[in-house]
């Protein structure tokens, strides 16, 4: 139990800026921490939802409080995934070969492709969460519904990060990889975590909508993973971050498409 608790703390420490007790370091701990990534995602989504709910209590409504909640989520992760998404866009579309693309992705500076991709990703997330203000979506209070959506979307996207890692080799050399793909019983933990934390949203709105969102997110994950293999031959930390952003967006797209169909 203590071992898994330390692994969970390592996952929180790795994926967020939240203050937690330092779990220390030992070989293999980050690999054991990976299965808790979806639970950390749910925690991030929960805190975003709490921020949204508190702002709602102050009689704030509409996109401004969603913008602040999304921003709070970015701050909690130290823009970890956004940085990876921007670097991936720069590398994939700014380099002419694998070596050049990987070199661009190492560069800490953001380029034109990265800036454009990041702007669209943030705007898309805000506008898609904004769809939950429709009476056709919310059967409970709007803030509770959006909070449940935050939890589900963040958990699903962290689960699909692990799927992305499992389908590709590490692009910069096996010995340099920080994480190994999950296998066996460890792979059951993130899937079960994802399904459990999605239940509130499914109960509030629609099981069919949540299932549709998951299917669309998984399809987007496969498509992006195929593009990653074509462009750089394997995954990197940047493509893992990009997977989180892409999966969150496409889960929301699939969910909203089901509601509006």
C-alpha atoms as a PDB file:
ATOM      1  CA  UNK A   1       0.000   0.000   0.000  1.00  0.00           C
ATOM      2  CA  UNK A   2       2.773   2.422   0.911  1.00  0.00           C
ATOM      3  CA  UNK A   3       4.534   1.607  -2.351  1.00  0.00           C
ATOM      4  CA  UNK A   4       1.440   2.508  -4.388  1.00  0.00           C
ATOM      5  CA  UNK A   5       0.860   5.661  -2.330  1.00  0.00           C
ATOM      6  CA  UNK A   6       4.395   6.802  -3.135  1.00  0.00           C
ATOM      7  CA  UNK A   7       3.788   5.944  -6.786  1.00  0.00           C
ATOM      8  CA  UNK A   8       0.629   8.080  -6.754  1.00  0.00           C
ATOM      9  CA  UNK A   9       2.518  10.983  -5.166  1.00  0.00           C
ATOM     10  CA  UNK A  10       5.159  10.588  -7.887  1.00  0.00           C
ATOM     11  CA  UNK A  11       2.412  10.811 -10.521  1.00  0.00           C
ATOM     12  CA  UNK A  12       1.041  14.000  -8.938  1.00  0.00           C
ATOM     13  CA  UNK A  13       4.536  15.461  -8.692  1.00  0.00           C
ATOM     14  CA  UNK A  14       5.353  14.547 -12.302  1.00  0.00           C
ATOM     15  CA  UNK A  15       2.143  15.832 -13.908  1.00  0.00           C
ATOM     16  CA  UNK A  16       1.275  18.839 -11.756  1.00  0.00           C
ATOM     17  CA  UNK A  17       2.617  21.674  -9.641  1.00  0.00           C
ATOM     18  CA  UNK A  18       0.423  20.698  -6.703  1.00  0.00           C
ATOM     19  CA  UNK A  19       2.296  20.698  -3.373  1.00  0.00           C
ATOM     20  CA  UNK A  20       2.593  17.094  -2.176  1.00  0.00           C
ATOM     21  CA  UNK A  21       5.055  15.339   0.141  1.00  0.00           C
ATOM     22  CA  UNK A  22       8.227  14.436  -1.729  1.00  0.00           C
ATOM     23  CA  UNK A  23       8.032  10.675  -2.407  1.00  0.00           C
ATOM     24  CA  UNK A  24      11.749  10.457  -3.108  1.00  0.00           C
ATOM     25  CA  UNK A  25      13.175   8.503  -5.991  1.00  0.00           C
ATOM     26  CA  UNK A  26      13.924   4.902  -6.783  1.00  0.00           C
ATOM     27  CA  UNK A  27      14.347   2.971 -10.008  1.00  0.00           C
ATOM     28  CA  UNK A  28      11.046   2.048 -11.609  1.00  0.00           C
ATOM     29  CA  UNK A  29       8.869   4.356  -9.497  1.00  0.00           C
ATOM     30  CA  UNK A  30       7.806   6.507 -12.452  1.00  0.00           C
ATOM     31  CA  UNK A  31       6.795   3.369 -14.345  1.00  0.00           C
ATOM     32  CA  UNK A  32       4.626   2.363 -11.375  1.00  0.00           C
ATOM     33  CA  UNK A  33       3.304   5.925 -11.163  1.00  0.00           C
ATOM     34  CA  UNK A  34       2.048   5.859 -14.760  1.00  0.00           C
ATOM     35  CA  UNK A  35      -1.032   3.797 -13.944  1.00  0.00           C
ATOM     36  CA  UNK A  36      -2.184   6.599 -11.633  1.00  0.00           C
ATOM     37  CA  UNK A  37      -2.042   9.258 -14.372  1.00  0.00           C
ATOM     38  CA  UNK A  38      -5.830   9.075 -15.018  1.00  0.00           C
ATOM     39  CA  UNK A  39      -6.530   9.563 -11.301  1.00  0.00           C
ATOM     40  CA  UNK A  40      -4.240  12.606 -11.291  1.00  0.00           C
ATOM     41  CA  UNK A  41      -6.154  13.850 -14.337  1.00  0.00           C
ATOM     42  CA  UNK A  42      -9.414  13.402 -12.450  1.00  0.00           C
ATOM     43  CA  UNK A  43      -7.920  15.357  -9.543  1.00  0.00           C
ATOM     44  CA  UNK A  44      -6.954  18.217 -11.876  1.00  0.00           C
ATOM     45  CA  UNK A  45     -10.448  18.157 -13.394  1.00  0.00           C
ATOM     46  CA  UNK A  46     -12.017  18.131  -9.922  1.00  0.00           C
ATOM     47  CA  UNK A  47     -10.064  21.212  -8.847  1.00  0.00           C
ATOM     48  CA  UNK A  48     -11.046  22.978 -12.089  1.00  0.00           C
ATOM     49  CA  UNK A  49     -14.649  22.057 -11.315  1.00  0.00           C
ATOM     50  CA  UNK A  50     -14.369  23.403  -7.759  1.00  0.00           C
ATOM     51  CA  UNK A  51     -13.022  26.697  -9.113  1.00  0.00           C
ATOM     52  CA  UNK A  52     -15.934  26.857 -11.554  1.00  0.00           C
ATOM     53  CA  UNK A  53     -18.452  26.021  -8.817  1.00  0.00           C
ATOM     54  CA  UNK A  54     -17.092  28.676  -6.440  1.00  0.00           C
ATOM     55  CA  UNK A  55     -17.194  31.310  -9.163  1.00  0.00           C
ATOM     56  CA  UNK A  56     -20.757  30.211  -9.907  1.00  0.00           C
ATOM     57  CA  UNK A  57     -21.685  30.815  -6.257  1.00  0.00           C
ATOM     58  CA  UNK A  58     -20.543  34.397  -6.780  1.00  0.00           C
ATOM     59  CA  UNK A  59     -23.187  34.663  -9.524  1.00  0.00           C
ATOM     60  CA  UNK A  60     -20.653  34.598 -12.355  1.00  0.00           C
ATOM     61  CA  UNK A  61     -21.900  32.822 -15.466  1.00  0.00           C
ATOM     62  CA  UNK A  62     -20.912  31.994 -19.032  1.00  0.00           C
ATOM     63  CA  UNK A  63     -17.565  31.707 -20.779  1.00  0.00           C
ATOM     64  CA  UNK A  64     -15.525  33.930 -18.411  1.00  0.00           C
ATOM     65  CA  UNK A  65     -15.700  31.413 -15.547  1.00  0.00           C
ATOM     66  CA  UNK A  66     -14.900  28.562 -17.951  1.00  0.00           C
ATOM     67  CA  UNK A  67     -11.897  30.524 -19.185  1.00  0.00           C
ATOM     68  CA  UNK A  68     -10.690  30.997 -15.613  1.00  0.00           C
ATOM     69  CA  UNK A  69     -11.231  27.316 -14.798  1.00  0.00           C
ATOM     70  CA  UNK A  70      -9.332  26.164 -17.911  1.00  0.00           C
ATOM     71  CA  UNK A  71      -6.557  28.630 -17.061  1.00  0.00           C
ATOM     72  CA  UNK A  72      -6.417  27.269 -13.510  1.00  0.00           C
ATOM     73  CA  UNK A  73      -5.974  23.773 -14.939  1.00  0.00           C
ATOM     74  CA  UNK A  74      -3.095  24.988 -17.108  1.00  0.00           C
ATOM     75  CA  UNK A  75      -1.436  26.596 -14.093  1.00  0.00           C
ATOM     76  CA  UNK A  76      -1.862  23.427 -12.017  1.00  0.00           C
ATOM     77  CA  UNK A  77       0.079  21.413 -14.589  1.00  0.00           C
ATOM     78  CA  UNK A  78       2.644  24.135 -15.243  1.00  0.00           C
ATOM     79  CA  UNK A  79       1.451  24.163 -18.883  1.00  0.00           C
ATOM     80  CA  UNK A  80       3.171  20.779 -19.219  1.00  0.00           C
ATOM     81  CA  UNK A  81       0.822  19.421 -21.873  1.00  0.00           C
ATOM     82  CA  UNK A  82       0.409  22.737 -23.675  1.00  0.00           C
ATOM     83  CA  UNK A  83       4.192  23.029 -23.993  1.00  0.00           C
ATOM     84  CA  UNK A  84       4.358  19.540 -25.504  1.00  0.00           C
ATOM     85  CA  UNK A  85       1.482  20.283 -27.871  1.00  0.00           C
ATOM     86  CA  UNK A  86       3.138  23.465 -29.143  1.00  0.00           C
ATOM     87  CA  UNK A  87       6.542  21.790 -29.546  1.00  0.00           C
ATOM     88  CA  UNK A  88       4.924  18.884 -31.403  1.00  0.00           C
ATOM     89  CA  UNK A  89       3.181  21.226 -33.836  1.00  0.00           C
ATOM     90  CA  UNK A  90       6.433  23.089 -34.491  1.00  0.00           C
ATOM     91  CA  UNK A  91       8.396  19.887 -35.025  1.00  0.00           C
ATOM     92  CA  UNK A  92       5.869  17.974 -37.102  1.00  0.00           C
ATOM     93  CA  UNK A  93       5.187  20.813 -39.508  1.00  0.00           C
ATOM     94  CA  UNK A  94       8.413  22.786 -39.360  1.00  0.00           C
ATOM     95  CA  UNK A  95      10.957  20.025 -40.017  1.00  0.00           C
ATOM     96  CA  UNK A  96      11.709  18.247 -43.273  1.00  0.00           C
ATOM     97  CA  UNK A  97      13.016  15.004 -41.811  1.00  0.00           C
ATOM     98  CA  UNK A  98      12.907  13.054 -38.543  1.00  0.00           C
ATOM     99  CA  UNK A  99      16.196  14.397 -37.207  1.00  0.00           C
ATOM    100  CA  UNK A 100      15.217  18.008 -37.849  1.00  0.00           C
ATOM    101  CA  UNK A 101      11.754  17.514 -36.347  1.00  0.00           C
ATOM    102  CA  UNK A 102      13.184  16.037 -33.158  1.00  0.00           C
ATOM    103  CA  UNK A 103      15.688  18.885 -32.978  1.00  0.00           C
ATOM    104  CA  UNK A 104      12.934  21.488 -33.296  1.00  0.00           C
ATOM    105  CA  UNK A 105      10.906  19.745 -30.601  1.00  0.00           C
ATOM    106  CA  UNK A 106      13.855  20.048 -28.192  1.00  0.00           C
ATOM    107  CA  UNK A 107      13.983  23.813 -28.717  1.00  0.00           C
ATOM    108  CA  UNK A 108      12.342  25.645 -25.812  1.00  0.00           C
ATOM    109  CA  UNK A 109      11.284  28.509 -28.075  1.00  0.00           C
ATOM    110  CA  UNK A 110       7.794  28.448 -29.560  1.00  0.00           C
ATOM    111  CA  UNK A 111       7.367  28.847 -33.324  1.00  0.00           C
ATOM    112  CA  UNK A 112       4.523  29.916 -35.581  1.00  0.00           C
ATOM    113  CA  UNK A 113       2.953  26.457 -35.882  1.00  0.00           C
ATOM    114  CA  UNK A 114       3.120  25.956 -32.137  1.00  0.00           C
ATOM    115  CA  UNK A 115       1.596  29.347 -31.348  1.00  0.00           C
ATOM    116  CA  UNK A 116      -1.285  28.853 -33.786  1.00  0.00           C
ATOM    117  CA  UNK A 117      -1.954  25.308 -32.556  1.00  0.00           C
ATOM    118  CA  UNK A 118      -1.925  26.423 -28.927  1.00  0.00           C
ATOM    119  CA  UNK A 119      -4.323  29.318 -29.517  1.00  0.00           C
ATOM    120  CA  UNK A 120      -6.790  27.065 -31.320  1.00  0.00           C
ATOM    121  CA  UNK A 121      -6.503  24.348 -28.658  1.00  0.00           C
ATOM    122  CA  UNK A 122      -7.307  26.760 -25.831  1.00  0.00           C
ATOM    123  CA  UNK A 123     -10.177  28.388 -27.725  1.00  0.00           C
ATOM    124  CA  UNK A 124     -11.633  25.015 -28.665  1.00  0.00           C
ATOM    125  CA  UNK A 125     -11.592  23.769 -25.093  1.00  0.00           C
ATOM    126  CA  UNK A 126     -13.257  26.910 -23.785  1.00  0.00           C
ATOM    127  CA  UNK A 127     -15.946  26.886 -26.478  1.00  0.00           C
ATOM    128  CA  UNK A 128     -16.650  23.153 -26.085  1.00  0.00           C
ATOM    129  CA  UNK A 129     -17.007  23.390 -22.312  1.00  0.00           C
ATOM    130  CA  UNK A 130     -19.247  26.376 -23.015  1.00  0.00           C
ATOM    131  CA  UNK A 131     -21.657  24.052 -24.834  1.00  0.00           C
ATOM    132  CA  UNK A 132     -22.575  22.609 -21.457  1.00  0.00           C
ATOM    133  CA  UNK A 133     -24.522  25.777 -20.731  1.00  0.00           C
ATOM    134  CA  UNK A 134     -27.164  24.553 -23.166  1.00  0.00           C
ATOM    135  CA  UNK A 135     -30.370  23.253 -21.532  1.00  0.00           C
ATOM    136  CA  UNK A 136     -30.099  20.269 -23.893  1.00  0.00           C
ATOM    137  CA  UNK A 137     -26.901  19.202 -22.121  1.00  0.00           C
ATOM    138  CA  UNK A 138     -27.486  19.986 -18.449  1.00  0.00           C
ATOM    139  CA  UNK A 139     -30.047  18.046 -16.476  1.00  0.00           C
ATOM    140  CA  UNK A 140     -28.480  19.235 -13.209  1.00  0.00           C
ATOM    141  CA  UNK A 141     -27.067  22.698 -12.525  1.00  0.00           C
ATOM    142  CA  UNK A 142     -24.784  23.932 -15.286  1.00  0.00           C
ATOM    143  CA  UNK A 143     -21.774  24.309 -12.993  1.00  0.00           C
ATOM    144  CA  UNK A 144     -22.122  20.759 -11.629  1.00  0.00           C
ATOM    145  CA  UNK A 145     -22.434  19.383 -15.170  1.00  0.00           C
ATOM    146  CA  UNK A 146     -19.371  21.250 -16.409  1.00  0.00           C
ATOM    147  CA  UNK A 147     -17.424  20.182 -13.314  1.00  0.00           C
ATOM    148  CA  UNK A 148     -18.263  16.542 -14.092  1.00  0.00           C
ATOM    149  CA  UNK A 149     -17.133  17.144 -17.681  1.00  0.00           C
ATOM    150  CA  UNK A 150     -13.801  18.513 -16.459  1.00  0.00           C
ATOM    151  CA  UNK A 151     -13.209  15.375 -14.387  1.00  0.00           C
ATOM    152  CA  UNK A 152     -14.138  12.986 -17.195  1.00  0.00           C
ATOM    153  CA  UNK A 153     -12.214  14.785 -19.941  1.00  0.00           C
ATOM    154  CA  UNK A 154      -9.030  15.130 -17.899  1.00  0.00           C
ATOM    155  CA  UNK A 155      -9.107  11.477 -16.789  1.00  0.00           C
ATOM    156  CA  UNK A 156      -9.800  10.118 -20.279  1.00  0.00           C
ATOM    157  CA  UNK A 157      -7.064  12.213 -21.860  1.00  0.00           C
ATOM    158  CA  UNK A 158      -4.461  10.977 -19.348  1.00  0.00           C
ATOM    159  CA  UNK A 159      -5.543   7.388 -20.002  1.00  0.00           C
ATOM    160  CA  UNK A 160      -5.068   7.856 -23.731  1.00  0.00           C
ATOM    161  CA  UNK A 161      -1.609   9.276 -23.078  1.00  0.00           C
ATOM    162  CA  UNK A 162      -0.705   5.813 -21.810  1.00  0.00           C
ATOM    163  CA  UNK A 163      -2.257   4.188 -24.881  1.00  0.00           C
ATOM    164  CA  UNK A 164      -0.123   6.443 -27.081  1.00  0.00           C
ATOM    165  CA  UNK A 165       3.024   5.354 -25.229  1.00  0.00           C
ATOM    166  CA  UNK A 166       2.109   1.676 -25.497  1.00  0.00           C
ATOM    167  CA  UNK A 167       1.734   1.753 -29.285  1.00  0.00           C
ATOM    168  CA  UNK A 168       5.088   3.332 -30.137  1.00  0.00           C
ATOM    169  CA  UNK A 169       8.777   2.957 -29.289  1.00  0.00           C
ATOM    170  CA  UNK A 170      10.583   5.891 -27.699  1.00  0.00           C
ATOM    171  CA  UNK A 171      11.802   8.125 -30.524  1.00  0.00           C
ATOM    172  CA  UNK A 172      15.060   9.240 -28.904  1.00  0.00           C
ATOM    173  CA  UNK A 173      16.401   5.818 -27.983  1.00  0.00           C
ATOM    174  CA  UNK A 174      15.115   3.144 -25.619  1.00  0.00           C
ATOM    175  CA  UNK A 175      17.668   3.818 -22.883  1.00  0.00           C
ATOM    176  CA  UNK A 176      16.618   7.488 -22.613  1.00  0.00           C
ATOM    177  CA  UNK A 177      12.902   6.836 -22.053  1.00  0.00           C
ATOM    178  CA  UNK A 178      11.532   8.003 -18.706  1.00  0.00           C
ATOM    179  CA  UNK A 179       8.522   5.690 -18.930  1.00  0.00           C
ATOM    180  CA  UNK A 180       7.885   2.143 -20.070  1.00  0.00           C
ATOM    181  CA  UNK A 181       4.513   1.050 -21.535  1.00  0.00           C
ATOM    182  CA  UNK A 182       2.075  -0.462 -19.056  1.00  0.00           C
ATOM    183  CA  UNK A 183       1.395  -4.155 -19.306  1.00  0.00           C
ATOM    184  CA  UNK A 184      -0.600  -6.867 -17.571  1.00  0.00           C
ATOM    185  CA  UNK A 185      -2.596  -5.999 -14.469  1.00  0.00           C
ATOM    186  CA  UNK A 186      -1.137  -2.488 -14.300  1.00  0.00           C
ATOM    187  CA  UNK A 187      -3.036  -1.622 -17.477  1.00  0.00           C
ATOM    188  CA  UNK A 188      -6.354  -2.437 -15.783  1.00  0.00           C
ATOM    189  CA  UNK A 189      -5.959   0.304 -13.147  1.00  0.00           C
ATOM    190  CA  UNK A 190      -6.070   3.342 -15.498  1.00  0.00           C
ATOM    191  CA  UNK A 191      -8.956   1.895 -17.530  1.00  0.00           C
ATOM    192  CA  UNK A 192     -11.052   1.198 -14.426  1.00  0.00           C
ATOM    193  CA  UNK A 193     -10.181   4.609 -12.995  1.00  0.00           C
ATOM    194  CA  UNK A 194     -11.283   6.280 -16.220  1.00  0.00           C
ATOM    195  CA  UNK A 195     -14.608   4.430 -16.316  1.00  0.00           C
ATOM    196  CA  UNK A 196     -15.415   5.115 -12.664  1.00  0.00           C
ATOM    197  CA  UNK A 197     -14.708   8.850 -12.746  1.00  0.00           C
ATOM    198  CA  UNK A 198     -16.816   9.215 -15.919  1.00  0.00           C
ATOM    199  CA  UNK A 199     -19.911   7.839 -14.174  1.00  0.00           C
ATOM    200  CA  UNK A 200     -21.052  11.187 -12.682  1.00  0.00           C
ATOM    201  CA  UNK A 201     -21.102  12.870 -16.103  1.00  0.00           C
ATOM    202  CA  UNK A 202     -22.817   9.860 -17.677  1.00  0.00           C
ATOM    203  CA  UNK A 203     -25.459   9.847 -14.934  1.00  0.00           C
ATOM    204  CA  UNK A 204     -26.073  13.591 -15.122  1.00  0.00           C
ATOM    205  CA  UNK A 205     -26.258  13.852 -18.917  1.00  0.00           C
ATOM    206  CA  UNK A 206     -26.121  10.643 -20.948  1.00  0.00           C
ATOM    207  CA  UNK A 207     -24.230   7.350 -21.000  1.00  0.00           C
ATOM    208  CA  UNK A 208     -24.445   7.412 -24.786  1.00  0.00           C
ATOM    209  CA  UNK A 209     -22.825  10.850 -24.959  1.00  0.00           C
ATOM    210  CA  UNK A 210     -19.928   9.770 -22.731  1.00  0.00           C
ATOM    211  CA  UNK A 211     -19.445   6.603 -24.799  1.00  0.00           C
ATOM    212  CA  UNK A 212     -19.497   8.664 -28.014  1.00  0.00           C
ATOM    213  CA  UNK A 213     -16.922  11.034 -26.570  1.00  0.00           C
ATOM    214  CA  UNK A 214     -14.670   8.126 -25.589  1.00  0.00           C
ATOM    215  CA  UNK A 215     -14.918   6.546 -29.037  1.00  0.00           C
ATOM    216  CA  UNK A 216     -14.079   9.807 -30.819  1.00  0.00           C
ATOM    217  CA  UNK A 217     -11.187  10.447 -28.400  1.00  0.00           C
ATOM    218  CA  UNK A 218      -9.789   6.942 -28.998  1.00  0.00           C
ATOM    219  CA  UNK A 219     -10.079   7.403 -32.774  1.00  0.00           C
ATOM    220  CA  UNK A 220      -8.229  10.718 -32.537  1.00  0.00           C
ATOM    221  CA  UNK A 221      -5.570   9.002 -30.435  1.00  0.00           C
ATOM    222  CA  UNK A 222      -5.005   6.304 -33.052  1.00  0.00           C
ATOM    223  CA  UNK A 223      -4.843   8.911 -35.830  1.00  0.00           C
ATOM    224  CA  UNK A 224      -2.358  11.077 -33.934  1.00  0.00           C
ATOM    225  CA  UNK A 225      -0.261   8.053 -32.986  1.00  0.00           C
ATOM    226  CA  UNK A 226      -0.079   7.033 -36.648  1.00  0.00           C
ATOM    227  CA  UNK A 227       0.963  10.577 -37.588  1.00  0.00           C
ATOM    228  CA  UNK A 228       3.596  10.506 -34.837  1.00  0.00           C
ATOM    229  CA  UNK A 229       5.053   7.258 -36.158  1.00  0.00           C
ATOM    230  CA  UNK A 230       5.195   8.718 -39.663  1.00  0.00           C
ATOM    231  CA  UNK A 231       6.797  11.981 -38.569  1.00  0.00           C
ATOM    232  CA  UNK A 232       9.351  10.941 -35.939  1.00  0.00           C
ATOM    233  CA  UNK A 233       9.120   7.156 -35.633  1.00  0.00           C
ATOM    234  CA  UNK A 234       8.060   7.031 -31.981  1.00  0.00           C
ATOM    235  CA  UNK A 235       6.802   8.920 -28.969  1.00  0.00           C
ATOM    236  CA  UNK A 236       8.462  11.670 -26.955  1.00  0.00           C
ATOM    237  CA  UNK A 237       7.394  13.624 -23.888  1.00  0.00           C
ATOM    238  CA  UNK A 238       6.095  16.304 -26.238  1.00  0.00           C
ATOM    239  CA  UNK A 239       3.848  13.909 -28.174  1.00  0.00           C
ATOM    240  CA  UNK A 240       2.542  12.503 -24.875  1.00  0.00           C
ATOM    241  CA  UNK A 241       1.564  16.046 -23.860  1.00  0.00           C
ATOM    242  CA  UNK A 242       0.007  16.664 -27.259  1.00  0.00           C
ATOM    243  CA  UNK A 243      -2.016  13.463 -26.862  1.00  0.00           C
ATOM    244  CA  UNK A 244      -3.576  14.813 -23.671  1.00  0.00           C
ATOM    245  CA  UNK A 245      -4.695  18.039 -25.360  1.00  0.00           C
ATOM    246  CA  UNK A 246      -5.969  16.296 -28.496  1.00  0.00           C
ATOM    247  CA  UNK A 247      -7.831  13.594 -26.538  1.00  0.00           C
ATOM    248  CA  UNK A 248      -9.509  16.136 -24.252  1.00  0.00           C
ATOM    249  CA  UNK A 249     -10.704  18.171 -27.232  1.00  0.00           C
ATOM    250  CA  UNK A 250     -12.003  15.196 -29.201  1.00  0.00           C
ATOM    251  CA  UNK A 251     -13.747  13.699 -26.192  1.00  0.00           C
ATOM    252  CA  UNK A 252     -15.668  16.969 -25.864  1.00  0.00           C
ATOM    253  CA  UNK A 253     -16.355  17.057 -29.618  1.00  0.00           C
ATOM    254  CA  UNK A 254     -17.773  13.523 -29.576  1.00  0.00           C
ATOM    255  CA  UNK A 255     -19.796  14.207 -26.440  1.00  0.00           C
ATOM    256  CA  UNK A 256     -21.333  17.406 -27.804  1.00  0.00           C
ATOM    257  CA  UNK A 257     -21.983  15.850 -31.231  1.00  0.00           C
ATOM    258  CA  UNK A 258     -24.037  13.119 -29.557  1.00  0.00           C
ATOM    259  CA  UNK A 259     -26.070  15.654 -27.575  1.00  0.00           C
ATOM    260  CA  UNK A 260     -26.763  17.852 -30.580  1.00  0.00           C
ATOM    261  CA  UNK A 261     -27.568  15.013 -33.016  1.00  0.00           C
END
